[in-house]
């Protein structure tokens, strides 16, 4: 099993950037896909980005062109670079390994 810990959230103004980190431990060798999700207040959790080990990426239309998912394999860390943040990006952001584990989440708050 894999354990995941997110960090990097915070409060920013519209148009600013943040970089979230997701550090994996345990059976990191089993990770084929790492996904980022977010959950806004009162809303369902939504998948927003994913990175497969072959380098393939996917992005939700909500974040395409503004967010970038990447990985530093030496540090067992995945990143979500978020640019041009807007108030509707306010949410708790989670990383996950499908059918395995979730992190605890990190809060991102964007003010106008």
N, C-alpha and C. Protein backbone atom coordinates (compact mmCIF):
# COMPACT_ATOMS: atom_id res chain seq x y z
N UNK A 1 0.83 -1.19 0.00
CA UNK A 1 0.00 0.00 0.00
C UNK A 1 0.87 1.24 0.00
N UNK A 2 0.26 2.34 -0.44
CA UNK A 2 0.97 3.61 -0.57
C UNK A 2 0.37 4.62 0.39
N UNK A 3 1.21 5.44 0.98
CA UNK A 3 0.75 6.56 1.80
C UNK A 3 1.08 7.86 1.06
N UNK A 4 0.14 8.80 1.11
CA UNK A 4 0.28 10.06 0.38
C UNK A 4 0.08 11.24 1.32
N UNK A 5 0.92 12.26 1.18
CA UNK A 5 0.80 13.46 1.99
C UNK A 5 0.92 14.67 1.07
N UNK A 6 -0.13 15.50 1.06
CA UNK A 6 -0.12 16.72 0.26
C UNK A 6 0.39 17.89 1.09
N UNK A 7 0.90 18.89 0.39
CA UNK A 7 1.28 20.15 1.01
C UNK A 7 1.31 21.23 -0.06
N UNK A 8 1.46 22.48 0.37
CA UNK A 8 1.61 23.56 -0.58
C UNK A 8 0.38 24.44 -0.75
N UNK A 9 -0.72 24.07 -0.10
CA UNK A 9 -1.91 24.91 -0.21
C UNK A 9 -1.72 26.23 0.52
N UNK A 10 -2.68 27.12 0.33
CA UNK A 10 -2.62 28.42 0.99
C UNK A 10 -3.67 29.35 0.46
N UNK A 11 -3.53 30.61 0.83
CA UNK A 11 -4.46 31.66 0.40
C UNK A 11 -3.73 32.61 -0.53
N UNK A 12 -4.30 32.82 -1.71
CA UNK A 12 -3.69 33.70 -2.71
C UNK A 12 -4.75 34.60 -3.32
N UNK A 13 -4.27 35.59 -4.07
CA UNK A 13 -5.16 36.47 -4.82
C UNK A 13 -5.37 35.89 -6.22
N UNK A 14 -6.47 36.28 -6.84
CA UNK A 14 -6.75 35.86 -8.22
C UNK A 14 -5.58 36.24 -9.13
N UNK A 15 -5.22 35.31 -10.01
CA UNK A 15 -4.12 35.52 -10.93
C UNK A 15 -2.78 35.00 -10.44
N UNK A 16 -2.69 34.68 -9.15
CA UNK A 16 -1.44 34.18 -8.59
C UNK A 16 -1.31 32.67 -8.80
N UNK A 17 -0.17 32.14 -8.36
CA UNK A 17 0.14 30.73 -8.57
C UNK A 17 0.44 30.02 -7.26
N UNK A 18 0.26 28.72 -7.26
CA UNK A 18 0.66 27.85 -6.17
C UNK A 18 1.17 26.55 -6.77
N UNK A 19 2.07 25.89 -6.04
CA UNK A 19 2.49 24.55 -6.42
C UNK A 19 2.21 23.60 -5.27
N UNK A 20 1.37 22.62 -5.54
CA UNK A 20 1.06 21.58 -4.56
C UNK A 20 2.03 20.42 -4.73
N UNK A 21 2.34 19.79 -3.61
CA UNK A 21 3.20 18.60 -3.62
C UNK A 21 2.44 17.42 -3.03
N UNK A 22 2.75 16.25 -3.53
CA UNK A 22 2.19 15.00 -3.02
C UNK A 22 3.36 14.04 -2.85
N UNK A 23 3.73 13.78 -1.60
CA UNK A 23 4.84 12.89 -1.32
C UNK A 23 4.31 11.49 -1.03
N UNK A 24 4.85 10.51 -1.73
CA UNK A 24 4.42 9.13 -1.57
C UNK A 24 5.45 8.34 -0.78
N UNK A 25 4.94 7.39 0.03
CA UNK A 25 5.81 6.47 0.75
C UNK A 25 5.16 5.09 0.74
N UNK A 26 5.91 4.10 1.18
CA UNK A 26 5.42 2.73 1.12
C UNK A 26 5.78 2.10 -0.21
N UNK A 27 4.81 1.42 -0.82
CA UNK A 27 5.06 0.69 -2.07
C UNK A 27 4.97 1.63 -3.26
N UNK A 28 5.86 2.59 -3.29
CA UNK A 28 5.87 3.59 -4.36
C UNK A 28 6.08 2.93 -5.72
N UNK A 29 6.78 1.82 -5.72
CA UNK A 29 7.04 1.10 -6.96
C UNK A 29 5.76 0.60 -7.62
N UNK A 30 4.66 0.53 -6.85
CA UNK A 30 3.40 0.05 -7.41
C UNK A 30 2.58 1.15 -8.07
N UNK A 31 3.00 2.40 -7.93
CA UNK A 31 2.20 3.51 -8.47
C UNK A 31 2.35 3.56 -9.99
N UNK A 32 1.23 3.34 -10.68
CA UNK A 32 1.17 3.46 -12.13
C UNK A 32 0.57 4.80 -12.55
N UNK A 33 -0.37 5.27 -11.75
CA UNK A 33 -1.08 6.51 -12.05
C UNK A 33 -1.20 7.30 -10.75
N UNK A 34 -0.97 8.61 -10.84
CA UNK A 34 -1.20 9.51 -9.71
C UNK A 34 -2.17 10.58 -10.17
N UNK A 35 -3.21 10.79 -9.39
CA UNK A 35 -4.25 11.73 -9.77
C UNK A 35 -4.37 12.86 -8.75
N UNK A 36 -4.79 14.02 -9.22
CA UNK A 36 -5.17 15.14 -8.36
C UNK A 36 -6.68 15.36 -8.51
N UNK A 37 -7.32 15.59 -7.39
CA UNK A 37 -8.74 15.87 -7.32
C UNK A 37 -8.93 17.14 -6.50
N UNK A 38 -10.12 17.70 -6.60
CA UNK A 38 -10.45 18.81 -5.70
C UNK A 38 -11.92 18.73 -5.32
N UNK A 39 -12.19 19.28 -4.14
CA UNK A 39 -13.57 19.31 -3.66
C UNK A 39 -13.85 20.69 -3.10
N UNK A 40 -14.75 21.38 -3.77
CA UNK A 40 -15.17 22.70 -3.32
C UNK A 40 -16.26 22.53 -2.27
N UNK A 41 -16.51 23.54 -1.44
CA UNK A 41 -17.54 23.44 -0.41
C UNK A 41 -18.90 23.09 -0.99
N UNK A 42 -19.52 22.04 -0.45
CA UNK A 42 -20.84 21.65 -0.90
C UNK A 42 -20.90 20.95 -2.24
N UNK A 43 -19.72 20.64 -2.80
CA UNK A 43 -19.67 20.04 -4.14
C UNK A 43 -19.06 18.65 -4.05
N UNK A 44 -19.25 17.88 -5.13
CA UNK A 44 -18.61 16.57 -5.23
C UNK A 44 -17.11 16.71 -5.48
N UNK A 45 -16.37 15.70 -5.08
CA UNK A 45 -14.95 15.66 -5.39
C UNK A 45 -14.80 15.37 -6.88
N UNK A 46 -13.90 16.14 -7.55
CA UNK A 46 -13.73 16.00 -8.99
C UNK A 46 -12.28 15.72 -9.34
N UNK A 47 -12.10 14.83 -10.31
CA UNK A 47 -10.78 14.56 -10.84
C UNK A 47 -10.37 15.72 -11.75
N UNK A 48 -9.17 16.27 -11.53
CA UNK A 48 -8.74 17.40 -12.34
C UNK A 48 -7.47 17.14 -13.13
N UNK A 49 -6.65 16.19 -12.71
CA UNK A 49 -5.41 15.93 -13.44
C UNK A 49 -4.89 14.54 -13.09
N UNK A 50 -4.16 13.95 -14.03
CA UNK A 50 -3.56 12.64 -13.79
C UNK A 50 -2.28 12.47 -14.57
N UNK A 51 -1.38 11.68 -14.03
CA UNK A 51 -0.09 11.41 -14.69
C UNK A 51 0.17 9.91 -14.63
N UNK A 52 0.36 9.32 -15.82
CA UNK A 52 0.69 7.91 -15.92
C UNK A 52 2.20 7.76 -16.02
N UNK A 53 2.70 6.61 -15.62
CA UNK A 53 4.16 6.41 -15.59
C UNK A 53 4.83 6.55 -16.94
N UNK A 54 4.06 6.37 -18.02
CA UNK A 54 4.66 6.55 -19.35
C UNK A 54 4.77 8.01 -19.75
N UNK A 55 4.35 8.89 -18.86
CA UNK A 55 4.42 10.32 -19.12
C UNK A 55 3.13 10.94 -19.62
N UNK A 56 2.16 10.13 -19.91
CA UNK A 56 0.87 10.65 -20.38
C UNK A 56 0.18 11.42 -19.28
N UNK A 57 -0.47 12.49 -19.67
CA UNK A 57 -1.21 13.31 -18.71
C UNK A 57 -2.65 13.50 -19.18
N UNK A 58 -3.49 13.81 -18.24
CA UNK A 58 -4.86 14.20 -18.54
C UNK A 58 -5.24 15.38 -17.65
N UNK A 59 -6.09 16.25 -18.17
CA UNK A 59 -6.56 17.40 -17.42
C UNK A 59 -8.04 17.59 -17.66
N UNK A 60 -8.73 17.97 -16.60
CA UNK A 60 -10.11 18.38 -16.74
C UNK A 60 -10.16 19.70 -17.50
N UNK A 61 -11.26 19.91 -18.21
CA UNK A 61 -11.44 21.20 -18.89
C UNK A 61 -11.41 22.37 -17.91
N UNK A 62 -11.70 22.10 -16.65
CA UNK A 62 -11.71 23.15 -15.63
C UNK A 62 -10.33 23.76 -15.43
N UNK A 63 -9.27 22.97 -15.69
CA UNK A 63 -7.92 23.43 -15.36
C UNK A 63 -6.95 23.39 -16.53
N UNK A 64 -7.40 22.83 -17.64
CA UNK A 64 -6.51 22.66 -18.80
C UNK A 64 -5.94 24.00 -19.23
N UNK A 65 -4.62 24.02 -19.44
CA UNK A 65 -3.95 25.24 -19.85
C UNK A 65 -3.46 26.10 -18.70
N UNK A 66 -3.92 25.82 -17.49
CA UNK A 66 -3.49 26.59 -16.31
C UNK A 66 -2.73 25.74 -15.32
N UNK A 67 -3.08 24.46 -15.21
CA UNK A 67 -2.46 23.56 -14.24
C UNK A 67 -1.57 22.56 -14.97
N UNK A 68 -0.47 22.17 -14.31
CA UNK A 68 0.44 21.19 -14.87
C UNK A 68 0.82 20.17 -13.80
N UNK A 69 0.67 18.90 -14.14
CA UNK A 69 1.06 17.82 -13.23
C UNK A 69 2.43 17.31 -13.64
N UNK A 70 3.26 17.02 -12.65
CA UNK A 70 4.60 16.53 -12.94
C UNK A 70 5.07 15.64 -11.80
N UNK A 71 6.27 15.06 -12.00
CA UNK A 71 6.78 14.12 -11.01
C UNK A 71 8.28 14.27 -10.88
N UNK A 72 8.78 14.18 -9.64
CA UNK A 72 10.20 14.04 -9.37
C UNK A 72 10.39 12.65 -8.79
N UNK A 73 10.77 11.70 -9.64
CA UNK A 73 10.85 10.31 -9.21
C UNK A 73 11.88 10.11 -8.09
N UNK A 74 12.95 10.88 -8.12
CA UNK A 74 13.99 10.73 -7.09
C UNK A 74 13.48 11.10 -5.71
N UNK A 75 12.47 11.98 -5.66
CA UNK A 75 11.92 12.43 -4.38
C UNK A 75 10.59 11.78 -4.07
N UNK A 76 10.14 10.84 -4.92
CA UNK A 76 8.82 10.21 -4.74
C UNK A 76 7.74 11.27 -4.57
N UNK A 77 7.84 12.31 -5.33
CA UNK A 77 6.94 13.46 -5.17
C UNK A 77 6.32 13.81 -6.51
N UNK A 78 5.02 14.04 -6.47
CA UNK A 78 4.26 14.54 -7.62
C UNK A 78 3.85 15.97 -7.30
N UNK A 79 3.74 16.78 -8.35
CA UNK A 79 3.42 18.20 -8.17
C UNK A 79 2.20 18.57 -9.00
N UNK A 80 1.52 19.60 -8.54
CA UNK A 80 0.49 20.23 -9.34
C UNK A 80 0.79 21.73 -9.34
N UNK A 81 1.33 22.20 -10.46
CA UNK A 81 1.58 23.64 -10.62
C UNK A 81 0.29 24.30 -11.07
N UNK A 82 -0.16 25.27 -10.32
CA UNK A 82 -1.44 25.92 -10.59
C UNK A 82 -1.18 27.40 -10.87
N UNK A 83 -1.44 27.83 -12.09
CA UNK A 83 -1.23 29.22 -12.49
C UNK A 83 -2.56 29.91 -12.74
N UNK A 84 -2.52 31.22 -12.68
CA UNK A 84 -3.72 32.03 -12.95
C UNK A 84 -4.92 31.53 -12.14
N UNK A 85 -4.70 31.36 -10.85
CA UNK A 85 -5.77 30.86 -9.99
C UNK A 85 -6.92 31.85 -9.93
N UNK A 86 -8.12 31.31 -9.84
CA UNK A 86 -9.35 32.10 -9.79
C UNK A 86 -10.16 31.70 -8.56
N UNK A 87 -11.08 32.56 -8.13
CA UNK A 87 -11.87 32.23 -6.93
C UNK A 87 -12.57 30.87 -7.03
N UNK A 88 -13.01 30.47 -8.22
CA UNK A 88 -13.69 29.18 -8.32
C UNK A 88 -12.73 27.99 -8.29
N UNK A 89 -11.44 28.25 -8.13
CA UNK A 89 -10.48 27.17 -7.87
C UNK A 89 -10.38 26.86 -6.38
N UNK A 90 -11.05 27.66 -5.56
CA UNK A 90 -11.04 27.42 -4.12
C UNK A 90 -11.62 26.04 -3.81
N UNK A 91 -10.84 25.23 -3.10
CA UNK A 91 -11.24 23.85 -2.82
C UNK A 91 -10.18 23.20 -1.94
N UNK A 92 -10.52 22.02 -1.46
CA UNK A 92 -9.50 21.15 -0.87
C UNK A 92 -8.98 20.27 -1.99
N UNK A 93 -7.67 20.20 -2.11
CA UNK A 93 -7.02 19.43 -3.18
C UNK A 93 -6.42 18.15 -2.59
N UNK A 94 -6.70 17.05 -3.27
CA UNK A 94 -6.26 15.73 -2.83
C UNK A 94 -5.45 15.06 -3.94
N UNK A 95 -4.44 14.31 -3.57
CA UNK A 95 -3.82 13.40 -4.52
C UNK A 95 -4.25 11.97 -4.18
N UNK A 96 -4.23 11.13 -5.19
CA UNK A 96 -4.66 9.75 -4.96
C UNK A 96 -3.97 8.80 -5.91
N UNK A 97 -3.88 7.56 -5.47
CA UNK A 97 -3.48 6.45 -6.33
C UNK A 97 -4.73 5.59 -6.51
N UNK A 98 -5.22 5.43 -7.72
CA UNK A 98 -6.48 4.71 -7.92
C UNK A 98 -6.50 3.34 -7.26
N UNK A 99 -7.60 3.06 -6.56
CA UNK A 99 -7.87 1.78 -5.90
C UNK A 99 -6.86 1.49 -4.79
N UNK A 100 -6.16 2.54 -4.33
CA UNK A 100 -5.16 2.29 -3.28
C UNK A 100 -5.29 3.28 -2.14
N UNK A 101 -5.01 4.55 -2.38
CA UNK A 101 -4.96 5.47 -1.26
C UNK A 101 -5.23 6.90 -1.67
N UNK A 102 -5.54 7.69 -0.64
CA UNK A 102 -5.78 9.13 -0.77
C UNK A 102 -4.92 9.86 0.26
N UNK A 103 -4.52 11.08 -0.09
CA UNK A 103 -3.94 11.95 0.90
C UNK A 103 -5.02 12.61 1.73
N UNK A 104 -4.56 13.41 2.70
CA UNK A 104 -5.51 14.05 3.62
C UNK A 104 -6.08 15.35 3.07
N UNK A 105 -5.45 15.86 2.01
CA UNK A 105 -5.93 17.09 1.39
C UNK A 105 -5.20 18.33 1.87
N UNK A 106 -5.18 19.33 1.00
CA UNK A 106 -4.59 20.63 1.34
C UNK A 106 -5.51 21.72 0.81
N UNK A 107 -5.76 22.72 1.63
CA UNK A 107 -6.74 23.77 1.29
C UNK A 107 -6.10 24.83 0.39
N UNK A 108 -6.81 25.18 -0.66
CA UNK A 108 -6.44 26.30 -1.52
C UNK A 108 -7.59 27.28 -1.52
N UNK A 109 -7.29 28.53 -1.18
CA UNK A 109 -8.29 29.58 -1.15
C UNK A 109 -7.83 30.73 -2.04
N UNK A 110 -8.69 31.11 -2.98
CA UNK A 110 -8.35 32.18 -3.92
C UNK A 110 -9.37 33.30 -3.76
N UNK A 111 -8.89 34.49 -3.48
CA UNK A 111 -9.78 35.63 -3.31
C UNK A 111 -9.69 36.55 -4.52
N UNK A 112 -10.79 37.23 -4.77
CA UNK A 112 -10.87 38.11 -5.96
C UNK A 112 -10.02 39.37 -5.78
